[in-house]
Amino acid sequence: MLSMRDCLDYCDITDDEVALIAEHEGIPDVAAAQVACGLVQTPEGVLLLSRYMADLVDRAERTGQVDKAVRARAVIARFIADHPTTH
């Protein structure tokens, strides 16, 4: 049986990225990892995942959660560096 870590390593996504996707979609981390693993396989999917994460930054900034926005921006920067496409 594959562990969550095995899946994340296979898909080249991080726990932090999964956590942002899970929060955006309102789903458990395991489900978010499955969604991300599928989406990260295409440029369109990478752009969609980037948009999910950027939405959370926007939401955090609107609600005055500056620390959360800063952390999410760092996660997005790493995601974009790891999954280059036209952003």
PDB file of N, CA and C in Angstrom:
ATOM      1  N   MET A   1       0.839  -1.172   0.000  1.00  0.00           N
ATOM      2  CA  MET A   1       0.000   0.000   0.000  1.00  0.00           C
ATOM      3  C   MET A   1       0.889   1.242   0.000  1.00  0.00           C
ATOM      4  N   LEU A   2       0.545   2.203  -0.853  1.00  0.00           N
ATOM      5  CA  LEU A   2       1.304   3.447  -0.927  1.00  0.00           C
ATOM      6  C   LEU A   2       0.891   4.379   0.208  1.00  0.00           C
ATOM      7  N   SER A   3       1.876   5.051   0.740  1.00  0.00           N
ATOM      8  CA  SER A   3       1.592   6.045   1.772  1.00  0.00           C
ATOM      9  C   SER A   3       1.313   7.392   1.102  1.00  0.00           C
ATOM     10  N   MET A   4       0.803   8.315   1.889  1.00  0.00           N
ATOM     11  CA  MET A   4       0.582   9.677   1.385  1.00  0.00           C
ATOM     12  C   MET A   4       1.905  10.265   0.901  1.00  0.00           C
ATOM     13  N   ARG A   5       2.985  10.021   1.632  1.00  0.00           N
ATOM     14  CA  ARG A   5       4.311  10.528   1.248  1.00  0.00           C
ATOM     15  C   ARG A   5       4.720   9.966  -0.103  1.00  0.00           C
ATOM     16  N   ASP A   6       4.479   8.684  -0.342  1.00  0.00           N
ATOM     17  CA  ASP A   6       4.803   8.077  -1.631  1.00  0.00           C
ATOM     18  C   ASP A   6       4.070   8.791  -2.762  1.00  0.00           C
ATOM     19  N   CYS A   7       2.805   9.066  -2.541  1.00  0.00           N
ATOM     20  CA  CYS A   7       1.998   9.744  -3.565  1.00  0.00           C
ATOM     21  C   CYS A   7       2.508  11.152  -3.828  1.00  0.00           C
ATOM     22  N   LEU A   8       2.813  11.882  -2.761  1.00  0.00           N
ATOM     23  CA  LEU A   8       3.304  13.256  -2.927  1.00  0.00           C
ATOM     24  C   LEU A   8       4.646  13.264  -3.658  1.00  0.00           C
ATOM     25  N   ASP A   9       5.521  12.344  -3.298  1.00  0.00           N
ATOM     26  CA  ASP A   9       6.819  12.268  -3.968  1.00  0.00           C
ATOM     27  C   ASP A   9       6.657  11.903  -5.442  1.00  0.00           C
ATOM     28  N   TYR A  10       5.770  10.985  -5.731  1.00  0.00           N
ATOM     29  CA  TYR A  10       5.519  10.577  -7.111  1.00  0.00           C
ATOM     30  C   TYR A  10       5.016  11.752  -7.952  1.00  0.00           C
ATOM     31  N   CYS A  11       4.136  12.546  -7.389  1.00  0.00           N
ATOM     32  CA  CYS A  11       3.526  13.661  -8.125  1.00  0.00           C
ATOM     33  C   CYS A  11       4.338  14.942  -8.042  1.00  0.00           C
ATOM     34  N   ASP A  12       5.385  14.939  -7.238  1.00  0.00           N
ATOM     35  CA  ASP A  12       6.239  16.105  -7.059  1.00  0.00           C
ATOM     36  C   ASP A  12       5.450  17.310  -6.531  1.00  0.00           C
ATOM     37  N   ILE A  13       4.679  17.066  -5.483  1.00  0.00           N
ATOM     38  CA  ILE A  13       3.977  18.139  -4.787  1.00  0.00           C
ATOM     39  C   ILE A  13       4.300  18.036  -3.301  1.00  0.00           C
ATOM     40  N   THR A  14       4.156  19.137  -2.602  1.00  0.00           N
ATOM     41  CA  THR A  14       4.530  19.176  -1.190  1.00  0.00           C
ATOM     42  C   THR A  14       3.299  19.121  -0.292  1.00  0.00           C
ATOM     43  N   ASP A  15       3.559  18.834   0.968  1.00  0.00           N
ATOM     44  CA  ASP A  15       2.487  18.857   1.966  1.00  0.00           C
ATOM     45  C   ASP A  15       1.821  20.225   2.026  1.00  0.00           C
ATOM     46  N   ASP A  16       2.631  21.281   1.945  1.00  0.00           N
ATOM     47  CA  ASP A  16       2.086  22.643   2.009  1.00  0.00           C
ATOM     48  C   ASP A  16       1.175  22.936   0.819  1.00  0.00           C
ATOM     49  N   GLU A  17       1.579  22.475  -0.354  1.00  0.00           N
ATOM     50  CA  GLU A  17       0.732  22.674  -1.543  1.00  0.00           C
ATOM     51  C   GLU A  17      -0.586  21.929  -1.393  1.00  0.00           C
ATOM     52  N   VAL A  18      -0.502  20.705  -0.909  1.00  0.00           N
ATOM     53  CA  VAL A  18      -1.715  19.911  -0.687  1.00  0.00           C
ATOM     54  C   VAL A  18      -2.622  20.598   0.328  1.00  0.00           C
ATOM     55  N   ALA A  19      -2.024  21.133   1.386  1.00  0.00           N
ATOM     56  CA  ALA A  19      -2.824  21.802   2.415  1.00  0.00           C
ATOM     57  C   ALA A  19      -3.577  23.001   1.842  1.00  0.00           C
ATOM     58  N   LEU A  20      -2.931  23.771   0.964  1.00  0.00           N
ATOM     59  CA  LEU A  20      -3.620  24.918   0.350  1.00  0.00           C
ATOM     60  C   LEU A  20      -4.745  24.458  -0.566  1.00  0.00           C
ATOM     61  N   ILE A  21      -4.497  23.419  -1.326  1.00  0.00           N
ATOM     62  CA  ILE A  21      -5.530  22.895  -2.227  1.00  0.00           C
ATOM     63  C   ILE A  21      -6.705  22.358  -1.416  1.00  0.00           C
ATOM     64  N   ALA A  22      -6.400  21.638  -0.343  1.00  0.00           N
ATOM     65  CA  ALA A  22      -7.453  21.104   0.521  1.00  0.00           C
ATOM     66  C   ALA A  22      -8.294  22.232   1.116  1.00  0.00           C
ATOM     67  N   GLU A  23      -7.625  23.275   1.564  1.00  0.00           N
ATOM     68  CA  GLU A  23      -8.354  24.414   2.136  1.00  0.00           C
ATOM     69  C   GLU A  23      -9.222  25.086   1.073  1.00  0.00           C
ATOM     70  N   HIS A  24      -8.661  25.300  -0.101  1.00  0.00           N
ATOM     71  CA  HIS A  24      -9.414  25.958  -1.176  1.00  0.00           C
ATOM     72  C   HIS A  24     -10.662  25.174  -1.543  1.00  0.00           C
ATOM     73  N   GLU A  25     -10.518  23.867  -1.650  1.00  0.00           N
ATOM     74  CA  GLU A  25     -11.615  23.023  -2.100  1.00  0.00           C
ATOM     75  C   GLU A  25     -12.502  22.511  -0.962  1.00  0.00           C
ATOM     76  N   GLY A  26     -12.045  22.712   0.273  1.00  0.00           N
ATOM     77  CA  GLY A  26     -12.818  22.227   1.412  1.00  0.00           C
ATOM     78  C   GLY A  26     -12.896  20.712   1.478  1.00  0.00           C
ATOM     79  N   ILE A  27     -11.770  20.071   1.173  1.00  0.00           N
ATOM     80  CA  ILE A  27     -11.713  18.604   1.158  1.00  0.00           C
ATOM     81  C   ILE A  27     -10.537  18.141   2.017  1.00  0.00           C
ATOM     82  N   PRO A  28     -10.542  16.872   2.431  1.00  0.00           N
ATOM     83  CA  PRO A  28      -9.411  16.351   3.216  1.00  0.00           C
ATOM     84  C   PRO A  28      -8.111  16.360   2.404  1.00  0.00           C
ATOM     85  N   ASP A  29      -7.000  16.373   3.126  1.00  0.00           N
ATOM     86  CA  ASP A  29      -5.694  16.393   2.469  1.00  0.00           C
ATOM     87  C   ASP A  29      -5.500  15.223   1.511  1.00  0.00           C
ATOM     88  N   VAL A  30      -5.966  14.049   1.884  1.00  0.00           N
ATOM     89  CA  VAL A  30      -5.797  12.870   1.024  1.00  0.00           C
ATOM     90  C   VAL A  30      -6.505  13.090  -0.311  1.00  0.00           C
ATOM     91  N   ALA A  31      -7.705  13.615  -0.278  1.00  0.00           N
ATOM     92  CA  ALA A  31      -8.440  13.891  -1.517  1.00  0.00           C
ATOM     93  C   ALA A  31      -7.747  14.989  -2.315  1.00  0.00           C
ATOM     94  N   ALA A  32      -7.248  16.007  -1.623  1.00  0.00           N
ATOM     95  CA  ALA A  32      -6.536  17.097  -2.301  1.00  0.00           C
ATOM     96  C   ALA A  32      -5.276  16.573  -2.987  1.00  0.00           C
ATOM     97  N   ALA A  33      -4.593  15.632  -2.356  1.00  0.00           N
ATOM     98  CA  ALA A  33      -3.400  15.047  -2.966  1.00  0.00           C
ATOM     99  C   ALA A  33      -3.755  14.300  -4.245  1.00  0.00           C
ATOM    100  N   GLN A  34      -4.872  13.592  -4.227  1.00  0.00           N
ATOM    101  CA  GLN A  34      -5.307  12.879  -5.430  1.00  0.00           C
ATOM    102  C   GLN A  34      -5.658  13.858  -6.550  1.00  0.00           C
ATOM    103  N   VAL A  35      -6.366  14.916  -6.198  1.00  0.00           N
ATOM    104  CA  VAL A  35      -6.731  15.936  -7.193  1.00  0.00           C
ATOM    105  C   VAL A  35      -5.460  16.564  -7.769  1.00  0.00           C
ATOM    106  N   ALA A  36      -4.557  16.957  -6.886  1.00  0.00           N
ATOM    107  CA  ALA A  36      -3.326  17.612  -7.324  1.00  0.00           C
ATOM    108  C   ALA A  36      -2.478  16.700  -8.189  1.00  0.00           C
ATOM    109  N   CYS A  37      -2.406  15.434  -7.829  1.00  0.00           N
ATOM    110  CA  CYS A  37      -1.604  14.484  -8.594  1.00  0.00           C
ATOM    111  C   CYS A  37      -2.099  14.395 -10.036  1.00  0.00           C
ATOM    112  N   GLY A  38      -3.395  14.417 -10.215  1.00  0.00           N
ATOM    113  CA  GLY A  38      -3.941  14.391 -11.570  1.00  0.00           C
ATOM    114  C   GLY A  38      -3.728  15.702 -12.301  1.00  0.00           C
ATOM    115  N   LEU A  39      -3.984  16.809 -11.618  1.00  0.00           N
ATOM    116  CA  LEU A  39      -3.902  18.107 -12.278  1.00  0.00           C
ATOM    117  C   LEU A  39      -2.481  18.522 -12.624  1.00  0.00           C
ATOM    118  N   VAL A  40      -1.522  18.127 -11.810  1.00  0.00           N
ATOM    119  CA  VAL A  40      -0.143  18.550 -12.033  1.00  0.00           C
ATOM    120  C   VAL A  40       0.461  17.918 -13.292  1.00  0.00           C
ATOM    121  N   GLN A  41      -0.248  16.989 -13.895  1.00  0.00           N
ATOM    122  CA  GLN A  41       0.251  16.303 -15.091  1.00  0.00           C
ATOM    123  C   GLN A  41       0.102  17.120 -16.370  1.00  0.00           C
ATOM    124  N   THR A  42      -0.693  18.208 -16.327  1.00  0.00           N
ATOM    125  CA  THR A  42      -0.910  19.017 -17.530  1.00  0.00           C
ATOM    126  C   THR A  42      -0.640  20.487 -17.237  1.00  0.00           C
ATOM    127  N   PRO A  43      -0.252  21.259 -18.240  1.00  0.00           N
ATOM    128  CA  PRO A  43      -0.054  22.702 -18.025  1.00  0.00           C
ATOM    129  C   PRO A  43      -1.326  23.388 -17.529  1.00  0.00           C
ATOM    130  N   GLU A  44      -2.467  22.966 -18.056  1.00  0.00           N
ATOM    131  CA  GLU A  44      -3.735  23.571 -17.624  1.00  0.00           C
ATOM    132  C   GLU A  44      -4.011  23.260 -16.157  1.00  0.00           C
ATOM    133  N   GLY A  45      -3.685  22.052 -15.750  1.00  0.00           N
ATOM    134  CA  GLY A  45      -3.863  21.655 -14.356  1.00  0.00           C
ATOM    135  C   GLY A  45      -2.938  22.433 -13.427  1.00  0.00           C
ATOM    136  N   VAL A  46      -1.705  22.638 -13.856  1.00  0.00           N
ATOM    137  CA  VAL A  46      -0.751  23.423 -13.061  1.00  0.00           C
ATOM    138  C   VAL A  46      -1.275  24.848 -12.896  1.00  0.00           C
ATOM    139  N   LEU A  47      -1.793  25.417 -13.966  1.00  0.00           N
ATOM    140  CA  LEU A  47      -2.351  26.773 -13.871  1.00  0.00           C
ATOM    141  C   LEU A  47      -3.550  26.818 -12.932  1.00  0.00           C
ATOM    142  N   LEU A  48      -4.391  25.800 -12.988  1.00  0.00           N
ATOM    143  CA  LEU A  48      -5.551  25.747 -12.104  1.00  0.00           C
ATOM    144  C   LEU A  48      -5.113  25.647 -10.644  1.00  0.00           C
ATOM    145  N   LEU A  49      -4.150  24.794 -10.365  1.00  0.00           N
ATOM    146  CA  LEU A  49      -3.655  24.666  -8.992  1.00  0.00           C
ATOM    147  C   LEU A  49      -3.031  25.978  -8.517  1.00  0.00           C
ATOM    148  N   SER A  50      -2.311  26.650  -9.390  1.00  0.00           N
ATOM    149  CA  SER A  50      -1.742  27.955  -9.042  1.00  0.00           C
ATOM    150  C   SER A  50      -2.843  28.951  -8.703  1.00  0.00           C
ATOM    151  N   ARG A  51      -3.930  28.910  -9.470  1.00  0.00           N
ATOM    152  CA  ARG A  51      -5.057  29.807  -9.222  1.00  0.00           C
ATOM    153  C   ARG A  51      -5.717  29.512  -7.877  1.00  0.00           C
ATOM    154  N   TYR A  52      -5.865  28.242  -7.551  1.00  0.00           N
ATOM    155  CA  TYR A  52      -6.425  27.860  -6.240  1.00  0.00           C
ATOM    156  C   TYR A  52      -5.600  28.499  -5.125  1.00  0.00           C
ATOM    157  N   MET A  53      -4.285  28.363  -5.242  1.00  0.00           N
ATOM    158  CA  MET A  53      -3.404  28.885  -4.200  1.00  0.00           C
ATOM    159  C   MET A  53      -3.450  30.410  -4.148  1.00  0.00           C
ATOM    160  N   ALA A  54      -3.486  31.043  -5.317  1.00  0.00           N
ATOM    161  CA  ALA A  54      -3.561  32.506  -5.368  1.00  0.00           C
ATOM    162  C   ALA A  54      -4.885  32.998  -4.775  1.00  0.00           C
ATOM    163  N   ASP A  55      -5.954  32.253  -4.972  1.00  0.00           N
ATOM    164  CA  ASP A  55      -7.244  32.606  -4.361  1.00  0.00           C
ATOM    165  C   ASP A  55      -7.123  32.679  -2.848  1.00  0.00           C
ATOM    166  N   LEU A  56      -6.388  31.747  -2.271  1.00  0.00           N
ATOM    167  CA  LEU A  56      -6.214  31.736  -0.817  1.00  0.00           C
ATOM    168  C   LEU A  56      -5.388  32.924  -0.339  1.00  0.00           C
ATOM    169  N   VAL A  57      -4.413  33.329  -1.129  1.00  0.00           N
ATOM    170  CA  VAL A  57      -3.638  34.527  -0.792  1.00  0.00           C
ATOM    171  C   VAL A  57      -4.570  35.730  -0.783  1.00  0.00           C
ATOM    172  N   ASP A  58      -5.364  35.858  -1.831  1.00  0.00           N
ATOM    173  CA  ASP A  58      -6.312  36.976  -1.918  1.00  0.00           C
ATOM    174  C   ASP A  58      -7.257  36.986  -0.728  1.00  0.00           C
ATOM    175  N   ARG A  59      -7.790  35.828  -0.385  1.00  0.00           N
ATOM    176  CA  ARG A  59      -8.726  35.722   0.737  1.00  0.00           C
ATOM    177  C   ARG A  59      -8.046  36.109   2.049  1.00  0.00           C
ATOM    178  N   ALA A  60      -6.826  35.626   2.247  1.00  0.00           N
ATOM    179  CA  ALA A  60      -6.090  35.949   3.473  1.00  0.00           C
ATOM    180  C   ALA A  60      -5.818  37.449   3.571  1.00  0.00           C
ATOM    181  N   GLU A  61      -5.451  38.060   2.453  1.00  0.00           N
ATOM    182  CA  GLU A  61      -5.192  39.496   2.456  1.00  0.00           C
ATOM    183  C   GLU A  61      -6.463  40.295   2.741  1.00  0.00           C
ATOM    184  N   ARG A  62      -7.580  39.880   2.152  1.00  0.00           N
ATOM    185  CA  ARG A  62      -8.858  40.578   2.380  1.00  0.00           C
ATOM    186  C   ARG A  62      -9.305  40.504   3.833  1.00  0.00           C
ATOM    187  N   THR A  63      -8.968  39.405   4.497  1.00  0.00           N
ATOM    188  CA  THR A  63      -9.400  39.221   5.879  1.00  0.00           C
ATOM    189  C   THR A  63      -8.325  39.619   6.889  1.00  0.00           C
ATOM    190  N   GLY A  64      -7.258  40.223   6.405  1.00  0.00           N
ATOM    191  CA  GLY A  64      -6.219  40.720   7.303  1.00  0.00           C
ATOM    192  C   GLY A  64      -5.293  39.660   7.865  1.00  0.00           C
ATOM    193  N   GLN A  65      -5.257  38.497   7.266  1.00  0.00           N
ATOM    194  CA  GLN A  65      -4.383  37.406   7.718  1.00  0.00           C
ATOM    195  C   GLN A  65      -3.048  37.490   6.979  1.00  0.00           C
ATOM    196  N   VAL A  66      -2.265  38.487   7.351  1.00  0.00           N
ATOM    197  CA  VAL A  66      -1.024  38.782   6.634  1.00  0.00           C
ATOM    198  C   VAL A  66      -0.045  37.612   6.685  1.00  0.00           C
ATOM    199  N   ASP A  67       0.144  37.008   7.853  1.00  0.00           N
ATOM    200  CA  ASP A  67       1.088  35.882   7.972  1.00  0.00           C
ATOM    201  C   ASP A  67       0.679  34.721   7.071  1.00  0.00           C
ATOM    202  N   LYS A  68      -0.609  34.439   7.045  1.00  0.00           N
ATOM    203  CA  LYS A  68      -1.110  33.354   6.198  1.00  0.00           C
ATOM    204  C   LYS A  68      -0.864  33.670   4.724  1.00  0.00           C
ATOM    205  N   ALA A  69      -1.085  34.918   4.332  1.00  0.00           N
ATOM    206  CA  ALA A  69      -0.852  35.319   2.941  1.00  0.00           C
ATOM    207  C   ALA A  69       0.623  35.184   2.571  1.00  0.00           C
ATOM    208  N   VAL A  70       1.493  35.570   3.474  1.00  0.00           N
ATOM    209  CA  VAL A  70       2.939  35.468   3.222  1.00  0.00           C
ATOM    210  C   VAL A  70       3.344  34.000   3.052  1.00  0.00           C
ATOM    211  N   ARG A  71       2.852  33.135   3.938  1.00  0.00           N
ATOM    212  CA  ARG A  71       3.170  31.697   3.824  1.00  0.00           C
ATOM    213  C   ARG A  71       2.641  31.113   2.518  1.00  0.00           C
ATOM    214  N   ALA A  72       1.415  31.483   2.160  1.00  0.00           N
ATOM    215  CA  ALA A  72       0.820  30.959   0.929  1.00  0.00           C
ATOM    216  C   ALA A  72       1.587  31.451  -0.295  1.00  0.00           C
ATOM    217  N   ARG A  73       2.029  32.698  -0.269  1.00  0.00           N
ATOM    218  CA  ARG A  73       2.840  33.207  -1.395  1.00  0.00           C
ATOM    219  C   ARG A  73       4.131  32.402  -1.555  1.00  0.00           C
ATOM    220  N   ALA A  74       4.741  32.030  -0.441  1.00  0.00           N
ATOM    221  CA  ALA A  74       5.966  31.231  -0.501  1.00  0.00           C
ATOM    222  C   ALA A  74       5.683  29.852  -1.095  1.00  0.00           C
ATOM    223  N   VAL A  75       4.552  29.265  -0.732  1.00  0.00           N
ATOM    224  CA  VAL A  75       4.162  27.964  -1.279  1.00  0.00           C
ATOM    225  C   VAL A  75       3.936  28.079  -2.784  1.00  0.00           C
ATOM    226  N   ILE A  76       3.243  29.127  -3.206  1.00  0.00           N
ATOM    227  CA  ILE A  76       2.993  29.334  -4.639  1.00  0.00           C
ATOM    228  C   ILE A  76       4.307  29.504  -5.392  1.00  0.00           C
ATOM    229  N   ALA A  77       5.220  30.295  -4.849  1.00  0.00           N
ATOM    230  CA  ALA A  77       6.510  30.525  -5.519  1.00  0.00           C
ATOM    231  C   ALA A  77       7.256  29.210  -5.732  1.00  0.00           C
ATOM    232  N   ARG A  78       7.238  28.371  -4.713  1.00  0.00           N
ATOM    233  CA  ARG A  78       7.915  27.079  -4.857  1.00  0.00           C
ATOM    234  C   ARG A  78       7.202  26.200  -5.884  1.00  0.00           C
ATOM    235  N   PHE A  79       5.866  26.189  -5.830  1.00  0.00           N
ATOM    236  CA  PHE A  79       5.085  25.387  -6.776  1.00  0.00           C
ATOM    237  C   PHE A  79       5.395  25.813  -8.210  1.00  0.00           C
ATOM    238  N   ILE A  80       5.405  27.111  -8.456  1.00  0.00           N
ATOM    239  CA  ILE A  80       5.672  27.623  -9.806  1.00  0.00           C
ATOM    240  C   ILE A  80       7.101  27.270 -10.235  1.00  0.00           C
ATOM    241  N   ALA A  81       8.050  27.358  -9.312  1.00  0.00           N
ATOM    242  CA  ALA A  81       9.436  26.997  -9.636  1.00  0.00           C
ATOM    243  C   ALA A  81       9.560  25.508  -9.959  1.00  0.00           C
ATOM    244  N   ASP A  82       8.825  24.688  -9.232  1.00  0.00           N
ATOM    245  CA  ASP A  82       8.871  23.241  -9.447  1.00  0.00           C
ATOM    246  C   ASP A  82       8.082  22.786 -10.668  1.00  0.00           C
ATOM    247  N   HIS A  83       7.093  23.579 -11.068  1.00  0.00           N
ATOM    248  CA  HIS A  83       6.191  23.213 -12.180  1.00  0.00           C
ATOM    249  C   HIS A  83       6.088  24.383 -13.160  1.00  0.00           C
ATOM    250  N   PRO A  84       7.187  24.676 -13.856  1.00  0.00           N
ATOM    251  CA  PRO A  84       7.176  25.850 -14.735  1.00  0.00           C
ATOM    252  C   PRO A  84       6.214  25.671 -15.916  1.00  0.00           C
ATOM    253  N   THR A  85       5.472  26.696 -16.155  1.00  0.00           N
ATOM    254  CA  THR A  85       4.565  26.801 -17.290  1.00  0.00           C
ATOM    255  C   THR A  85       4.264  28.270 -17.444  1.00  0.00           C
ATOM    256  N   THR A  86       3.443  28.642 -18.362  1.00  0.00           N
ATOM    257  CA  THR A  86       3.077  30.038 -18.520  1.00  0.00           C
ATOM    258  C   THR A  86       2.096  30.415 -17.438  1.00  0.00           C
ATOM    259  N   HIS A  87       2.530  31.225 -16.470  1.00  0.00           N
ATOM    260  CA  HIS A  87       1.652  31.626 -15.372  1.00  0.00           C
ATOM    261  C   HIS A  87       1.106  32.984 -15.626  1.00  0.00           C
TER     262      HIS A  87
END
